Amino acid sequence: MQVPATLLEYSMSAVTEGIDAIATTRVLIRGENNHTSTHTLTGEPVHRTFSGTGSSMDIAVSSVRAYIGALNKMLGFMEQTPSEVPAERTPLSV
Protein backbone atom coordinates (compact mmCIF):
# COMPACT_ATOMS: atom_id res chain seq x y z
CA MET A 1 0.00 0.00 0.00
CA GLN A 2 1.32 3.36 -0.89
CA VAL A 3 -1.03 5.21 1.43
CA PRO A 4 0.88 6.72 4.35
CA ALA A 5 -0.92 6.26 7.68
CA THR A 6 -0.07 6.43 11.36
CA LEU A 7 -1.26 3.68 13.70
CA LEU A 8 -2.78 5.43 16.73
CA GLU A 9 -4.32 2.48 18.59
CA TYR A 10 -4.12 -1.30 18.43
CA SER A 11 -6.11 -3.61 20.67
CA MET A 12 -6.84 -7.32 20.62
CA SER A 13 -9.04 -9.53 22.73
CA ALA A 14 -9.90 -13.22 22.76
CA VAL A 15 -13.55 -13.91 22.04
CA THR A 16 -13.30 -17.58 23.01
CA GLU A 17 -10.88 -19.64 25.10
CA GLY A 18 -8.63 -22.56 24.35
CA ILE A 19 -6.47 -23.61 21.43
CA ASP A 20 -9.15 -22.62 18.89
CA ALA A 21 -9.64 -19.13 20.38
CA ILE A 22 -10.84 -16.39 18.09
CA ALA A 23 -9.03 -13.05 18.32
CA THR A 24 -10.82 -9.78 17.66
CA THR A 25 -8.61 -6.85 16.70
CA ARG A 26 -9.35 -3.12 16.49
CA VAL A 27 -7.07 -0.50 14.99
CA LEU A 28 -7.29 3.27 14.75
CA ILE A 29 -5.28 5.10 12.07
CA ARG A 30 -4.81 8.63 10.78
CA GLY A 31 -3.58 9.56 7.31
CA GLU A 32 -0.27 11.37 7.21
CA ASN A 33 -1.78 14.32 5.37
CA ASN A 34 -4.07 14.76 8.41
CA HIS A 35 -7.51 14.86 6.83
CA THR A 36 -9.41 17.50 8.70
CA SER A 37 -13.02 18.50 9.07
CA THR A 38 -14.42 21.57 10.73
CA HIS A 39 -16.23 21.11 14.04
CA THR A 40 -19.83 22.25 13.61
CA LEU A 41 -20.09 24.12 16.91
CA THR A 42 -16.59 25.50 17.47
CA GLY A 43 -15.40 25.92 13.88
CA GLU A 44 -12.04 24.39 14.82
CA PRO A 45 -10.34 21.74 12.67
CA VAL A 46 -10.85 18.11 13.71
CA HIS A 47 -8.28 15.52 12.62
CA ARG A 48 -10.02 12.54 10.99
CA THR A 49 -9.27 9.06 12.29
CA PHE A 50 -10.43 5.78 10.83
CA SER A 51 -11.08 2.51 12.68
CA GLY A 52 -11.22 -1.07 11.53
CA THR A 53 -11.99 -4.40 13.15
CA GLY A 54 -11.08 -7.96 12.28
CA SER A 55 -11.41 -11.42 13.76
CA SER A 56 -9.79 -14.77 13.09
CA MET A 57 -8.21 -17.74 14.82
CA ASP A 58 -4.88 -16.36 13.50
CA ILE A 59 -3.66 -13.18 15.23
CA ALA A 60 -1.89 -11.90 12.11
CA VAL A 61 -4.98 -12.41 9.91
CA SER A 62 -7.16 -10.66 12.48
CA SER A 63 -4.76 -7.71 12.58
CA VAL A 64 -4.51 -7.43 8.79
CA ARG A 65 -8.30 -7.51 8.42
CA ALA A 66 -8.63 -4.69 10.94
CA TYR A 67 -5.94 -2.58 9.28
CA ILE A 68 -7.38 -3.10 5.78
CA GLY A 69 -10.82 -2.16 7.10
CA ALA A 70 -9.44 1.11 8.46
CA LEU A 71 -7.53 1.81 5.22
CA ASN A 72 -10.69 1.21 3.17
CA LYS A 73 -12.57 3.75 5.29
CA MET A 74 -9.75 6.24 4.86
CA LEU A 75 -9.62 5.67 1.08
CA GLY A 76 -13.40 6.05 0.88
CA PHE A 77 -13.15 9.37 2.67
CA MET A 78 -10.32 10.45 0.36
CA GLU A 79 -12.45 9.62 -2.71
CA GLN A 80 -15.00 12.16 -1.51
CA THR A 81 -12.29 14.80 -1.91
CA PRO A 82 -10.71 13.76 -5.27
CA SER A 83 -8.17 16.59 -5.37
CA GLU A 84 -6.26 14.96 -2.49
CA VAL A 85 -5.85 11.44 -3.90
CA PRO A 86 -4.59 10.03 -7.21
CA ALA A 87 -7.15 7.98 -9.18
CA GLU A 88 -5.15 4.71 -8.96
CA ARG A 89 -5.85 4.25 -5.23
CA THR A 90 -8.79 1.95 -4.66
CA PRO A 91 -10.13 0.07 -1.60
CA LEU A 92 -8.67 -3.33 -0.76
CA SER A 93 -10.30 -6.63 0.13
CA VAL A 94 -9.10 -9.66 2.09
PDB file of N, CA and C in Angstrom:
ATOM      1  N   MET A   1       0.847  -1.186   0.000  1.00  0.00           N
ATOM      2  CA  MET A   1       0.000   0.000   0.000  1.00  0.00           C
ATOM      3  C   MET A   1       0.879   1.232   0.000  1.00  0.00           C
ATOM      4  N   GLN A   2       0.579   2.121  -0.867  1.00  0.00           N
ATOM      5  CA  GLN A   2       1.323   3.365  -0.890  1.00  0.00           C
ATOM      6  C   GLN A   2       0.456   4.496  -0.357  1.00  0.00           C
ATOM      7  N   VAL A   3      -0.207   4.224   0.759  1.00  0.00           N
ATOM      8  CA  VAL A   3      -1.031   5.212   1.430  1.00  0.00           C
ATOM      9  C   VAL A   3      -0.431   5.407   2.818  1.00  0.00           C
ATOM     10  N   PRO A   4       0.261   6.519   3.046  1.00  0.00           N
ATOM     11  CA  PRO A   4       0.881   6.721   4.354  1.00  0.00           C
ATOM     12  C   PRO A   4      -0.172   6.906   5.454  1.00  0.00           C
ATOM     13  N   ALA A   5       0.005   6.176   6.543  1.00  0.00           N
ATOM     14  CA  ALA A   5      -0.917   6.256   7.680  1.00  0.00           C
ATOM     15  C   ALA A   5      -0.143   6.025   8.967  1.00  0.00           C
ATOM     16  N   THR A   6      -0.654   6.602  10.035  1.00  0.00           N
ATOM     17  CA  THR A   6      -0.070   6.428  11.361  1.00  0.00           C
ATOM     18  C   THR A   6      -1.009   5.582  12.202  1.00  0.00           C
ATOM     19  N   LEU A   7      -0.478   4.537  12.813  1.00  0.00           N
ATOM     20  CA  LEU A   7      -1.260   3.684  13.699  1.00  0.00           C
ATOM     21  C   LEU A   7      -1.353   4.372  15.055  1.00  0.00           C
ATOM     22  N   LEU A   8      -2.566   4.726  15.458  1.00  0.00           N
ATOM     23  CA  LEU A   8      -2.780   5.427  16.726  1.00  0.00           C
ATOM     24  C   LEU A   8      -3.111   4.475  17.864  1.00  0.00           C
ATOM     25  N   GLU A   9      -3.918   3.452  17.576  1.00  0.00           N
ATOM     26  CA  GLU A   9      -4.317   2.480  18.595  1.00  0.00           C
ATOM     27  C   GLU A   9      -4.363   1.086  17.988  1.00  0.00           C
ATOM     28  N   TYR A  10      -4.026   0.102  18.819  1.00  0.00           N
ATOM     29  CA  TYR A  10      -4.122  -1.301  18.430  1.00  0.00           C
ATOM     30  C   TYR A  10      -4.575  -2.072  19.661  1.00  0.00           C
ATOM     31  N   SER A  11      -5.673  -2.797  19.531  1.00  0.00           N
ATOM     32  CA  SER A  11      -6.114  -3.609  20.669  1.00  0.00           C
ATOM     33  C   SER A  11      -6.608  -4.954  20.155  1.00  0.00           C
ATOM     34  N   MET A  12      -6.420  -5.971  20.982  1.00  0.00           N
ATOM     35  CA  MET A  12      -6.837  -7.316  20.622  1.00  0.00           C
ATOM     36  C   MET A  12      -7.426  -7.982  21.861  1.00  0.00           C
ATOM     37  N   SER A  13      -8.463  -8.771  21.627  1.00  0.00           N
ATOM     38  CA  SER A  13      -9.045  -9.533  22.727  1.00  0.00           C
ATOM     39  C   SER A  13      -9.453 -10.899  22.203  1.00  0.00           C
ATOM     40  N   ALA A  14      -9.477 -11.865  23.114  1.00  0.00           N
ATOM     41  CA  ALA A  14      -9.900 -13.217  22.762  1.00  0.00           C
ATOM     42  C   ALA A  14     -11.404 -13.323  22.979  1.00  0.00           C
ATOM     43  N   VAL A  15     -12.106 -13.761  21.947  1.00  0.00           N
ATOM     44  CA  VAL A  15     -13.551 -13.913  22.042  1.00  0.00           C
ATOM     45  C   VAL A  15     -13.893 -15.234  22.717  1.00  0.00           C
ATOM     46  N   THR A  16     -13.107 -16.258  22.415  1.00  0.00           N
ATOM     47  CA  THR A  16     -13.305 -17.582  23.014  1.00  0.00           C
ATOM     48  C   THR A  16     -12.018 -18.012  23.688  1.00  0.00           C
ATOM     49  N   GLU A  17     -12.067 -19.128  24.399  1.00  0.00           N
ATOM     50  CA  GLU A  17     -10.883 -19.635  25.101  1.00  0.00           C
ATOM     51  C   GLU A  17     -10.382 -20.911  24.445  1.00  0.00           C
ATOM     52  N   GLY A  18      -9.175 -21.299  24.817  1.00  0.00           N
ATOM     53  CA  GLY A  18      -8.626 -22.562  24.347  1.00  0.00           C
ATOM     54  C   GLY A  18      -7.772 -22.422  23.106  1.00  0.00           C
ATOM     55  N   ILE A  19      -7.379 -23.577  22.571  1.00  0.00           N
ATOM     56  CA  ILE A  19      -6.472 -23.610  21.430  1.00  0.00           C
ATOM     57  C   ILE A  19      -7.118 -23.058  20.158  1.00  0.00           C
ATOM     58  N   ASP A  20      -8.437 -23.128  20.050  1.00  0.00           N
ATOM     59  CA  ASP A  20      -9.153 -22.620  18.890  1.00  0.00           C
ATOM     60  C   ASP A  20      -9.756 -21.237  19.155  1.00  0.00           C
ATOM     61  N   ALA A  21      -9.114 -20.451  20.013  1.00  0.00           N
ATOM     62  CA  ALA A  21      -9.642 -19.134  20.377  1.00  0.00           C
ATOM     63  C   ALA A  21      -9.689 -18.214  19.165  1.00  0.00           C
ATOM     64  N   ILE A  22     -10.696 -17.380  19.149  1.00  0.00           N
ATOM     65  CA  ILE A  22     -10.838 -16.389  18.086  1.00  0.00           C
ATOM     66  C   ILE A  22     -10.415 -15.039  18.649  1.00  0.00           C
ATOM     67  N   ALA A  23      -9.516 -14.372  17.915  1.00  0.00           N
ATOM     68  CA  ALA A  23      -9.034 -13.052  18.316  1.00  0.00           C
ATOM     69  C   ALA A  23      -9.805 -11.982  17.556  1.00  0.00           C
ATOM     70  N   THR A  24     -10.199 -10.950  18.274  1.00  0.00           N
ATOM     71  CA  THR A  24     -10.818  -9.778  17.655  1.00  0.00           C
ATOM     72  C   THR A  24      -9.857  -8.614  17.819  1.00  0.00           C
ATOM     73  N   THR A  25      -9.578  -7.944  16.723  1.00  0.00           N
ATOM     74  CA  THR A  25      -8.609  -6.851  16.704  1.00  0.00           C
ATOM     75  C   THR A  25      -9.290  -5.559  16.278  1.00  0.00           C
ATOM     76  N   ARG A  26      -8.868  -4.443  16.879  1.00  0.00           N
ATOM     77  CA  ARG A  26      -9.355  -3.122  16.494  1.00  0.00           C
ATOM     78  C   ARG A  26      -8.153  -2.214  16.320  1.00  0.00           C
ATOM     79  N   VAL A  27      -8.127  -1.464  15.229  1.00  0.00           N
ATOM     80  CA  VAL A  27      -7.067  -0.497  14.988  1.00  0.00           C
ATOM     81  C   VAL A  27      -7.680   0.869  14.731  1.00  0.00           C
ATOM     82  N   LEU A  28      -6.909   1.889  15.011  1.00  0.00           N
ATOM     83  CA  LEU A  28      -7.289   3.266  14.752  1.00  0.00           C
ATOM     84  C   LEU A  28      -6.111   3.919  14.046  1.00  0.00           C
ATOM     85  N   ILE A  29      -6.356   4.484  12.850  1.00  0.00           N
ATOM     86  CA  ILE A  29      -5.284   5.102  12.074  1.00  0.00           C
ATOM     87  C   ILE A  29      -5.654   6.529  11.697  1.00  0.00           C
ATOM     88  N   ARG A  30      -4.617   7.280  11.312  1.00  0.00           N
ATOM     89  CA  ARG A  30      -4.815   8.630  10.785  1.00  0.00           C
ATOM     90  C   ARG A  30      -3.887   8.776   9.587  1.00  0.00           C
ATOM     91  N   GLY A  31      -4.399   9.328   8.491  1.00  0.00           N
ATOM     92  CA  GLY A  31      -3.578   9.563   7.307  1.00  0.00           C
ATOM     93  C   GLY A  31      -2.504  10.589   7.604  1.00  0.00           C
ATOM     94  N   GLU A  32      -1.370  10.448   6.947  1.00  0.00           N
ATOM     95  CA  GLU A  32      -0.270  11.371   7.213  1.00  0.00           C
ATOM     96  C   GLU A  32      -0.560  12.796   6.763  1.00  0.00           C
ATOM     97  N   ASN A  33      -1.454  12.958   5.789  1.00  0.00           N
ATOM     98  CA  ASN A  33      -1.776  14.320   5.375  1.00  0.00           C
ATOM     99  C   ASN A  33      -2.858  14.935   6.252  1.00  0.00           C
ATOM    100  N   ASN A  34      -3.162  14.240   7.368  1.00  0.00           N
ATOM    101  CA  ASN A  34      -4.065  14.763   8.406  1.00  0.00           C
ATOM    102  C   ASN A  34      -5.361  15.328   7.836  1.00  0.00           C
ATOM    103  N   HIS A  35      -6.197  14.443   7.311  1.00  0.00           N
ATOM    104  CA  HIS A  35      -7.507  14.856   6.828  1.00  0.00           C
ATOM    105  C   HIS A  35      -8.225  15.584   7.961  1.00  0.00           C
ATOM    106  N   THR A  36      -8.730  16.742   7.661  1.00  0.00           N
ATOM    107  CA  THR A  36      -9.415  17.502   8.701  1.00  0.00           C
ATOM    108  C   THR A  36     -10.828  17.856   8.267  1.00  0.00           C
ATOM    109  N   SER A  37     -11.662  17.999   9.244  1.00  0.00           N
ATOM    110  CA  SER A  37     -13.016  18.501   9.071  1.00  0.00           C
ATOM    111  C   SER A  37     -13.150  19.681  10.015  1.00  0.00           C
ATOM    112  N   THR A  38     -14.190  20.442   9.845  1.00  0.00           N
ATOM    113  CA  THR A  38     -14.425  21.573  10.732  1.00  0.00           C
ATOM    114  C   THR A  38     -15.524  21.195  11.714  1.00  0.00           C
ATOM    115  N   HIS A  39     -15.254  21.396  12.999  1.00  0.00           N
ATOM    116  CA  HIS A  39     -16.226  21.114  14.044  1.00  0.00           C
ATOM    117  C   HIS A  39     -17.418  22.054  13.868  1.00  0.00           C
ATOM    118  N   THR A  40     -18.618  21.484  13.876  1.00  0.00           N
ATOM    119  CA  THR A  40     -19.832  22.253  13.613  1.00  0.00           C
ATOM    120  C   THR A  40     -20.048  23.383  14.615  1.00  0.00           C
ATOM    121  N   LEU A  41     -19.805  23.122  15.894  1.00  0.00           N
ATOM    122  CA  LEU A  41     -20.090  24.125  16.912  1.00  0.00           C
ATOM    123  C   LEU A  41     -18.957  25.114  17.132  1.00  0.00           C
ATOM    124  N   THR A  42     -17.716  24.625  17.145  1.00  0.00           N
ATOM    125  CA  THR A  42     -16.588  25.504  17.469  1.00  0.00           C
ATOM    126  C   THR A  42     -15.895  26.084  16.248  1.00  0.00           C
ATOM    127  N   GLY A  43     -16.067  25.446  15.077  1.00  0.00           N
ATOM    128  CA  GLY A  43     -15.397  25.925  13.876  1.00  0.00           C
ATOM    129  C   GLY A  43     -13.931  25.549  13.802  1.00  0.00           C
ATOM    130  N   GLU A  44     -13.446  24.786  14.787  1.00  0.00           N
ATOM    131  CA  GLU A  44     -12.040  24.392  14.819  1.00  0.00           C
ATOM    132  C   GLU A  44     -11.830  23.133  13.989  1.00  0.00           C
ATOM    133  N   PRO A  45     -10.605  22.951  13.458  1.00  0.00           N
ATOM    134  CA  PRO A  45     -10.340  21.744  12.672  1.00  0.00           C
ATOM    135  C   PRO A  45     -10.309  20.494  13.548  1.00  0.00           C
ATOM    136  N   VAL A  46     -10.847  19.404  13.026  1.00  0.00           N
ATOM    137  CA  VAL A  46     -10.854  18.113  13.706  1.00  0.00           C
ATOM    138  C   VAL A  46     -10.093  17.137  12.825  1.00  0.00           C
ATOM    139  N   HIS A  47      -9.076  16.488  13.380  1.00  0.00           N
ATOM    140  CA  HIS A  47      -8.284  15.523  12.619  1.00  0.00           C
ATOM    141  C   HIS A  47      -9.064  14.224  12.492  1.00  0.00           C
ATOM    142  N   ARG A  48      -9.246  13.754  11.257  1.00  0.00           N
ATOM    143  CA  ARG A  48     -10.018  12.539  10.985  1.00  0.00           C
ATOM    144  C   ARG A  48      -9.205  11.309  11.352  1.00  0.00           C
ATOM    145  N   THR A  49      -9.854  10.376  12.027  1.00  0.00           N
ATOM    146  CA  THR A  49      -9.271   9.061  12.292  1.00  0.00           C
ATOM    147  C   THR A  49     -10.209   8.014  11.719  1.00  0.00           C
ATOM    148  N   PHE A  50      -9.672   6.840  11.462  1.00  0.00           N
ATOM    149  CA  PHE A  50     -10.434   5.776  10.832  1.00  0.00           C
ATOM    150  C   PHE A  50     -10.164   4.477  11.588  1.00  0.00           C
ATOM    151  N   SER A  51     -11.237   3.753  11.916  1.00  0.00           N
ATOM    152  CA  SER A  51     -11.079   2.510  12.679  1.00  0.00           C
ATOM    153  C   SER A  51     -11.439   1.317  11.818  1.00  0.00           C
ATOM    154  N   GLY A  52     -10.900   0.180  12.205  1.00  0.00           N
ATOM    155  CA  GLY A  52     -11.222  -1.072  11.532  1.00  0.00           C
ATOM    156  C   GLY A  52     -11.193  -2.200  12.535  1.00  0.00           C
ATOM    157  N   THR A  53     -11.976  -3.229  12.287  1.00  0.00           N
ATOM    158  CA  THR A  53     -11.986  -4.401  13.155  1.00  0.00           C
ATOM    159  C   THR A  53     -11.799  -5.655  12.310  1.00  0.00           C
ATOM    160  N   GLY A  54     -11.262  -6.674  12.937  1.00  0.00           N
ATOM    161  CA  GLY A  54     -11.081  -7.960  12.276  1.00  0.00           C
ATOM    162  C   GLY A  54     -11.113  -9.064  13.296  1.00  0.00           C
ATOM    163  N   SER A  55     -11.443 -10.273  12.855  1.00  0.00           N
ATOM    164  CA  SER A  55     -11.407 -11.419  13.762  1.00  0.00           C
ATOM    165  C   SER A  55     -10.994 -12.656  12.990  1.00  0.00           C
ATOM    166  N   SER A  56     -10.280 -13.526  13.679  1.00  0.00           N
ATOM    167  CA  SER A  56      -9.792 -14.770  13.089  1.00  0.00           C
ATOM    168  C   SER A  56      -9.163 -15.608  14.195  1.00  0.00           C
ATOM    169  N   MET A  57      -8.941 -16.882  13.897  1.00  0.00           N
ATOM    170  CA  MET A  57      -8.206 -17.743  14.822  1.00  0.00           C
ATOM    171  C   MET A  57      -6.710 -17.428  14.748  1.00  0.00           C
ATOM    172  N   ASP A  58      -6.271 -16.757  13.693  1.00  0.00           N
ATOM    173  CA  ASP A  58      -4.875 -16.364  13.503  1.00  0.00           C
ATOM    174  C   ASP A  58      -4.741 -14.877  13.846  1.00  0.00           C
ATOM    175  N   ILE A  59      -3.848 -14.562  14.775  1.00  0.00           N
ATOM    176  CA  ILE A  59      -3.664 -13.177  15.230  1.00  0.00           C
ATOM    177  C   ILE A  59      -3.256 -12.259  14.083  1.00  0.00           C
ATOM    178  N   ALA A  60      -2.354 -12.733  13.223  1.00  0.00           N
ATOM    179  CA  ALA A  60      -1.889 -11.899  12.106  1.00  0.00           C
ATOM    180  C   ALA A  60      -3.035 -11.601  11.140  1.00  0.00           C
ATOM    181  N   VAL A  61      -3.845 -12.599  10.817  1.00  0.00           N
ATOM    182  CA  VAL A  61      -4.976 -12.407   9.905  1.00  0.00           C
ATOM    183  C   VAL A  61      -5.979 -11.433  10.515  1.00  0.00           C
ATOM    184  N   SER A  62      -6.248 -11.569  11.792  1.00  0.00           N
ATOM    185  CA  SER A  62      -7.160 -10.662  12.482  1.00  0.00           C
ATOM    186  C   SER A  62      -6.650  -9.226  12.409  1.00  0.00           C
ATOM    187  N   SER A  63      -5.361  -9.043  12.613  1.00  0.00           N
ATOM    188  CA  SER A  63      -4.762  -7.712  12.578  1.00  0.00           C
ATOM    189  C   SER A  63      -4.809  -7.109  11.180  1.00  0.00           C
ATOM    190  N   VAL A  64      -4.490  -7.923  10.171  1.00  0.00           N
ATOM    191  CA  VAL A  64      -4.514  -7.432   8.789  1.00  0.00           C
ATOM    192  C   VAL A  64      -5.927  -7.045   8.380  1.00  0.00           C
ATOM    193  N   ARG A  65      -6.907  -7.841   8.748  1.00  0.00           N
ATOM    194  CA  ARG A  65      -8.300  -7.509   8.419  1.00  0.00           C
ATOM    195  C   ARG A  65      -8.711  -6.179   9.037  1.00  0.00           C
ATOM    196  N   ALA A  66      -8.298  -5.948  10.268  1.00  0.00           N
ATOM    197  CA  ALA A  66      -8.634  -4.691  10.936  1.00  0.00           C
ATOM    198  C   ALA A  66      -7.955  -3.513  10.245  1.00  0.00           C
ATOM    199  N   TYR A  67      -6.688  -3.663   9.907  1.00  0.00           N
ATOM    200  CA  TYR A  67      -5.942  -2.579   9.279  1.00  0.00           C
ATOM    201  C   TYR A  67      -6.498  -2.268   7.886  1.00  0.00           C
ATOM    202  N   ILE A  68      -6.815  -3.309   7.118  1.00  0.00           N
ATOM    203  CA  ILE A  68      -7.381  -3.096   5.783  1.00  0.00           C
ATOM    204  C   ILE A  68      -8.754  -2.431   5.884  1.00  0.00           C
ATOM    205  N   GLY A  69      -9.532  -2.807   6.891  1.00  0.00           N
ATOM    206  CA  GLY A  69     -10.824  -2.155   7.096  1.00  0.00           C
ATOM    207  C   GLY A  69     -10.665  -0.664   7.349  1.00  0.00           C
ATOM    208  N   ALA A  70      -9.687  -0.303   8.173  1.00  0.00           N
ATOM    209  CA  ALA A  70      -9.444   1.111   8.461  1.00  0.00           C
ATOM    210  C   ALA A  70      -8.932   1.835   7.215  1.00  0.00           C
ATOM    211  N   LEU A  71      -8.037   1.198   6.456  1.00  0.00           N
ATOM    212  CA  LEU A  71      -7.534   1.806   5.225  1.00  0.00           C
ATOM    213  C   LEU A  71      -8.658   2.028   4.217  1.00  0.00           C
ATOM    214  N   ASN A  72      -9.558   1.052   4.094  1.00  0.00           N
ATOM    215  CA  ASN A  72     -10.694   1.209   3.175  1.00  0.00           C
ATOM    216  C   ASN A  72     -11.561   2.403   3.553  1.00  0.00           C
ATOM    217  N   LYS A  73     -11.785   2.591   4.848  1.00  0.00           N
ATOM    218  CA  LYS A  73     -12.566   3.750   5.294  1.00  0.00           C
ATOM    219  C   LYS A  73     -11.844   5.046   4.945  1.00  0.00           C
ATOM    220  N   MET A  74     -10.519   5.053   5.164  1.00  0.00           N
ATOM    221  CA  MET A  74      -9.747   6.244   4.862  1.00  0.00           C
ATOM    222  C   MET A  74      -9.761   6.522   3.360  1.00  0.00           C
ATOM    223  N   LEU A  75      -9.592   5.502   2.530  1.00  0.00           N
ATOM    224  CA  LEU A  75      -9.620   5.672   1.083  1.00  0.00           C
ATOM    225  C   LEU A  75     -10.992   6.137   0.611  1.00  0.00           C
ATOM    226  N   GLY A  76     -12.053   5.608   1.217  1.00  0.00           N
ATOM    227  CA  GLY A  76     -13.398   6.049   0.877  1.00  0.00           C
ATOM    228  C   GLY A  76     -13.592   7.515   1.186  1.00  0.00           C
ATOM    229  N   PHE A  77     -13.063   7.959   2.305  1.00  0.00           N
ATOM    230  CA  PHE A  77     -13.150   9.374   2.669  1.00  0.00           C
ATOM    231  C   PHE A  77     -12.353  10.218   1.683  1.00  0.00           C
ATOM    232  N   MET A  78     -11.177   9.724   1.290  1.00  0.00           N
ATOM    233  CA  MET A  78     -10.324  10.452   0.359  1.00  0.00           C
ATOM    234  C   MET A  78     -10.983  10.569  -1.018  1.00  0.00           C
ATOM    235  N   GLU A  79     -11.767   9.562  -1.414  1.00  0.00           N
ATOM    236  CA  GLU A  79     -12.452   9.615  -2.705  1.00  0.00           C
ATOM    237  C   GLU A  79     -13.514  10.705  -2.734  1.00  0.00           C
ATOM    238  N   GLN A  80     -14.015  11.086  -1.572  1.00  0.00           N
ATOM    239  CA  GLN A  80     -15.004  12.164  -1.507  1.00  0.00           C
ATOM    240  C   GLN A  80     -14.360  13.513  -1.800  1.00  0.00           C
ATOM    241  N   THR A  81     -13.044  13.592  -1.607  1.00  0.00           N
ATOM    242  CA  THR A  81     -12.288  14.801  -1.915  1.00  0.00           C
ATOM    243  C   THR A  81     -11.224  14.437  -2.949  1.00  0.00           C
ATOM    244  N   PRO A  82     -11.599  14.297  -4.238  1.00  0.00           N
ATOM    245  CA  PRO A  82     -10.708  13.762  -5.265  1.00  0.00           C
ATOM    246  C   PRO A  82      -9.440  14.567  -5.512  1.00  0.00           C
ATOM    247  N   SER A  83      -9.375  15.815  -5.145  1.00  0.00           N
ATOM    248  CA  SER A  83      -8.165  16.595  -5.373  1.00  0.00           C
ATOM    249  C   SER A  83      -7.007  16.127  -4.493  1.00  0.00           C
ATOM    250  N   GLU A  84      -7.304  15.377  -3.425  1.00  0.00           N
ATOM    251  CA  GLU A  84      -6.264  14.960  -2.493  1.00  0.00           C
ATOM    252  C   GLU A  84      -5.688  13.584  -2.800  1.00  0.00           C
ATOM    253  N   VAL A  85      -6.282  12.814  -3.698  1.00  0.00           N
ATOM    254  CA  VAL A  85      -5.848  11.444  -3.895  1.00  0.00           C
ATOM    255  C   VAL A  85      -5.772  11.121  -5.390  1.00  0.00           C
ATOM    256  N   PRO A  86      -4.673  10.461  -5.825  1.00  0.00           N
ATOM    257  CA  PRO A  86      -4.589  10.025  -7.214  1.00  0.00           C
ATOM    258  C   PRO A  86      -5.644   8.964  -7.515  1.00  0.00           C
ATOM    259  N   ALA A  87      -6.076   8.865  -8.772  1.00  0.00           N
ATOM    260  CA  ALA A  87      -7.150   7.976  -9.176  1.00  0.00           C
ATOM    261  C   ALA A  87      -6.798   6.503  -9.019  1.00  0.00           C
ATOM    262  N   GLU A  88      -5.499   6.119  -9.002  1.00  0.00           N
ATOM    263  CA  GLU A  88      -5.146   4.715  -8.963  1.00  0.00           C
ATOM    264  C   GLU A  88      -5.336   4.069  -7.580  1.00  0.00           C
ATOM    265  N   ARG A  89      -5.644   4.815  -6.565  1.00  0.00           N
ATOM    266  CA  ARG A  89      -5.849   4.246  -5.230  1.00  0.00           C
ATOM    267  C   ARG A  89      -7.286   3.786  -5.093  1.00  0.00           C
ATOM    268  N   THR A  90      -7.468   2.506  -4.825  1.00  0.00           N
ATOM    269  CA  THR A  90      -8.791   1.950  -4.661  1.00  0.00           C
ATOM    270  C   THR A  90      -8.835   1.103  -3.406  1.00  0.00           C
ATOM    271  N   PRO A  91     -10.016   0.890  -2.809  1.00  0.00           N
ATOM    272  CA  PRO A  91     -10.126   0.069  -1.597  1.00  0.00           C
ATOM    273  C   PRO A  91      -9.644  -1.363  -1.822  1.00  0.00           C
ATOM    274  N   LEU A  92      -9.187  -1.974  -0.746  1.00  0.00           N
ATOM    275  CA  LEU A  92      -8.673  -3.329  -0.759  1.00  0.00           C
ATOM    276  C   LEU A  92      -9.707  -4.319  -0.257  1.00  0.00           C
ATOM    277  N   SER A  93      -9.454  -5.580  -0.463  1.00  0.00           N
ATOM    278  CA  SER A  93     -10.295  -6.632   0.130  1.00  0.00           C
ATOM    279  C   SER A  93      -9.391  -7.761   0.578  1.00  0.00           C
ATOM    280  N   VAL A  94      -9.865  -8.527   1.558  1.00  0.00           N
ATOM    281  CA  VAL A  94      -9.102  -9.661   2.092  1.00  0.00           C
ATOM    282  C   VAL A  94      -9.657 -10.935   1.505  1.00  0.00           C
TER     283      VAL A  94
END
